[in-house]
Amino acid sequence: MRLTTKGRYAVTAMLDLAFHSQIQPVTLTDIATRQTISLSYLEQLFSRLRRAGLVVGVRGPGGGYKLSREPSEVSISNIILAVDEQVDLTNCEKQGNCQNGQPCLTHDLWMGLSQTVSNYLDGISLGALLDQSGVQKIAERQTSDVQQLVNFSNADTIAVALK
């Protein structure tokens, strides 16, 4: 399967964005911190997501990114395709030339599985994932963990300044 970290990170970042942008735009720095993804890598992914029309940038103070449409209207396959990933379990990139220019013995098996995975991902939206209690608990925990880290860091800064 050719779903790499690019596709996985894009889905993770978009789910984070869907969860946190309900109130205000979200910065890539915030997503990078919560999800432990490189900021420069997120910038590359969001450039592709923006070109695909899945996110919009908001400039100025309080700026960042937000979804361009409702979470229920964004399928996981939309995200994966936007970052140039493919759900393909064949060795021939669905060309049917896997063995001396001809389909291999298991070509139809892998094509069918690719289609099943593609249909599955197409049938799941960010909204459906947001509705899962497990996803909500994890997102809330990540937010809390980052806030505690910020508070701890600020407390150290204040303590050093008071010395």
Protein backbone atom coordinates (compact mmCIF):
# COMPACT_ATOMS: atom_id res chain seq x y z
CA MET A 1 0.00 0.00 0.00
CA ARG A 2 1.35 3.37 -0.91
CA LEU A 3 -0.15 5.33 1.95
CA THR A 4 2.90 6.95 3.49
CA THR A 5 3.40 9.29 6.43
CA LYS A 6 2.43 12.13 4.10
CA GLY A 7 -1.13 10.83 3.89
CA ARG A 8 -1.27 9.87 7.55
CA TYR A 9 0.03 13.25 8.71
CA ALA A 10 -2.35 15.09 6.40
CA VAL A 11 -5.34 13.23 7.84
CA THR A 12 -4.11 13.77 11.41
CA ALA A 13 -3.53 17.49 10.82
CA MET A 14 -6.91 17.93 9.15
CA LEU A 15 -8.67 16.17 12.02
CA ASP A 16 -6.83 18.41 14.49
CA LEU A 17 -7.85 21.43 12.42
CA ALA A 18 -11.48 20.27 12.28
CA PHE A 19 -11.54 19.86 16.06
CA HIS A 20 -9.83 23.13 16.98
CA SER A 21 -10.99 25.53 14.25
CA GLN A 22 -14.61 25.46 15.32
CA ILE A 23 -14.02 28.64 17.34
CA GLN A 24 -11.14 30.37 15.56
CA PRO A 25 -8.50 29.68 12.89
CA VAL A 26 -5.67 27.38 13.93
CA THR A 27 -1.98 28.01 13.35
CA LEU A 28 0.25 25.35 11.91
CA THR A 29 2.50 25.82 14.92
CA ASP A 30 -0.34 24.73 17.19
CA ILE A 31 -1.05 21.67 15.06
CA ALA A 32 2.66 20.82 14.90
CA THR A 33 2.94 21.04 18.68
CA ARG A 34 -0.14 18.96 19.44
CA GLN A 35 0.59 16.29 16.83
CA THR A 36 4.41 16.32 16.99
CA ILE A 37 4.72 16.91 13.26
CA SER A 38 7.46 19.08 11.79
CA LEU A 39 6.23 22.61 11.07
CA SER A 40 8.00 22.73 7.71
CA TYR A 41 6.39 19.41 6.74
CA LEU A 42 2.96 20.76 7.73
CA GLU A 43 3.57 23.86 5.63
CA GLN A 44 4.16 21.64 2.58
CA LEU A 45 1.04 19.57 3.31
CA PHE A 46 -1.16 22.62 3.87
CA SER A 47 0.05 24.16 0.64
CA ARG A 48 -1.37 21.12 -1.16
CA LEU A 49 -4.52 21.06 0.97
CA ARG A 50 -5.12 24.74 0.20
CA ARG A 51 -4.62 24.18 -3.56
CA ALA A 52 -7.14 21.32 -3.36
CA GLY A 53 -9.64 23.69 -1.76
CA LEU A 54 -9.89 21.79 1.54
CA VAL A 55 -8.56 24.59 3.76
CA VAL A 56 -8.43 28.37 3.66
CA GLY A 57 -5.85 30.63 5.21
CA VAL A 58 -6.88 33.52 7.43
CA ARG A 59 -4.40 36.40 7.57
CA GLY A 60 -3.67 38.83 10.34
CA PRO A 61 -3.77 38.64 14.11
CA GLY A 62 -5.62 35.53 15.18
CA GLY A 63 -5.01 34.08 11.74
CA GLY A 64 -4.26 30.55 10.75
CA TYR A 65 -6.21 27.92 8.87
CA LYS A 66 -9.75 26.64 8.88
CA LEU A 67 -11.67 24.11 6.86
CA SER A 68 -13.16 25.43 3.64
CA ARG A 69 -16.35 23.43 4.22
CA GLU A 70 -18.12 21.51 6.93
CA PRO A 71 -16.21 18.52 8.40
CA SER A 72 -19.02 16.21 7.27
CA GLU A 73 -18.28 17.22 3.67
CA VAL A 74 -14.58 16.30 3.73
CA SER A 75 -13.84 12.62 3.22
CA ILE A 76 -10.60 11.02 4.28
CA SER A 77 -9.96 10.05 0.67
CA ASN A 78 -10.28 13.77 -0.30
CA ILE A 79 -7.41 14.53 2.07
CA ILE A 80 -5.22 11.66 0.92
CA LEU A 81 -5.70 12.50 -2.75
CA ALA A 82 -5.03 16.20 -2.07
CA VAL A 83 -1.49 15.41 -0.87
CA ASP A 84 -0.85 13.22 -3.92
CA GLU A 85 -1.19 9.91 -2.16
CA GLN A 86 -2.90 6.93 -3.70
CA VAL A 87 -4.59 3.95 -2.19
CA ASP A 88 -3.00 1.32 -4.38
CA LEU A 89 -2.03 -2.14 -3.21
CA THR A 90 -0.79 -3.36 -6.57
CA ASN A 91 2.86 -3.43 -7.58
CA CYS A 92 2.02 -2.07 -11.01
CA GLU A 93 0.20 1.14 -10.00
CA LYS A 94 -3.04 -0.35 -11.33
CA GLN A 95 -1.56 -0.63 -14.84
CA GLY A 96 -1.88 -4.42 -15.14
CA ASN A 97 1.69 -4.78 -16.36
CA CYS A 98 3.03 -6.38 -13.19
CA GLN A 99 4.53 -9.47 -14.82
CA ASN A 100 6.36 -9.07 -18.13
CA GLY A 101 3.91 -6.42 -19.29
CA GLN A 102 0.89 -8.51 -18.36
CA PRO A 103 -1.25 -8.79 -15.19
CA CYS A 104 0.19 -11.05 -12.52
CA LEU A 105 -1.73 -13.93 -11.00
CA THR A 106 -2.98 -11.84 -8.05
CA HIS A 107 -3.55 -8.54 -9.88
CA ASP A 108 -7.35 -8.67 -9.57
CA LEU A 109 -7.08 -9.50 -5.85
CA TRP A 110 -4.97 -6.39 -5.15
CA MET A 111 -7.13 -4.23 -7.41
CA GLY A 112 -10.24 -5.34 -5.51
CA LEU A 113 -8.62 -4.68 -2.15
CA SER A 114 -7.46 -1.24 -3.33
CA GLN A 115 -11.02 -0.42 -4.37
CA THR A 116 -12.41 -1.65 -1.04
CA VAL A 117 -9.94 0.51 0.92
CA SER A 118 -10.66 3.49 -1.33
CA ASN A 119 -14.42 3.08 -0.85
CA TYR A 120 -13.93 2.78 2.92
CA LEU A 121 -11.90 5.99 3.13
CA ASP A 122 -14.33 7.76 0.81
CA GLY A 123 -17.17 6.81 3.15
CA ILE A 124 -15.59 8.35 6.25
CA SER A 125 -15.69 12.10 6.79
CA LEU A 126 -13.85 14.33 9.23
CA GLY A 127 -17.26 14.98 10.78
CA ALA A 128 -17.80 11.26 11.43
CA LEU A 129 -14.39 11.05 13.11
CA LEU A 130 -15.12 14.15 15.20
CA ASP A 131 -18.28 12.49 16.47
CA GLN A 132 -16.32 9.57 17.93
CA SER A 133 -15.92 9.96 21.68
CA GLY A 134 -12.44 8.46 21.58
CA VAL A 135 -11.26 11.10 19.11
CA GLN A 136 -12.74 13.88 21.23
CA LYS A 137 -11.04 12.58 24.39
CA ILE A 138 -7.67 12.34 22.66
CA ALA A 139 -7.99 15.85 21.17
CA GLU A 140 -8.92 17.26 24.57
CA ARG A 141 -5.99 15.45 26.19
CA GLN A 142 -3.56 16.78 23.58
CA THR A 143 -4.85 20.31 24.10
CA SER A 144 -4.49 19.93 27.86
CA ASP A 145 -0.98 18.48 27.55
CA VAL A 146 0.17 21.39 25.40
CA GLN A 147 -1.46 23.93 27.74
CA GLN A 148 0.30 22.36 30.73
CA LEU A 149 3.59 22.52 28.85
CA VAL A 150 3.00 26.21 28.04
CA ASN A 151 2.05 26.97 31.66
CA PHE A 152 5.12 25.12 32.93
CA SER A 153 7.35 26.96 30.47
CA ASN A 154 5.82 30.32 31.47
CA ALA A 155 6.30 29.50 35.15
CA ASP A 156 10.01 28.79 34.51
CA THR A 157 10.33 32.05 32.59
CA ILE A 158 8.71 34.00 35.42
CA ALA A 159 10.88 32.25 38.04
CA VAL A 160 14.04 33.09 36.10
CA ALA A 161 12.92 36.71 35.66
CA LEU A 162 12.27 37.05 39.39
CA LYS A 163 15.78 35.89 40.34
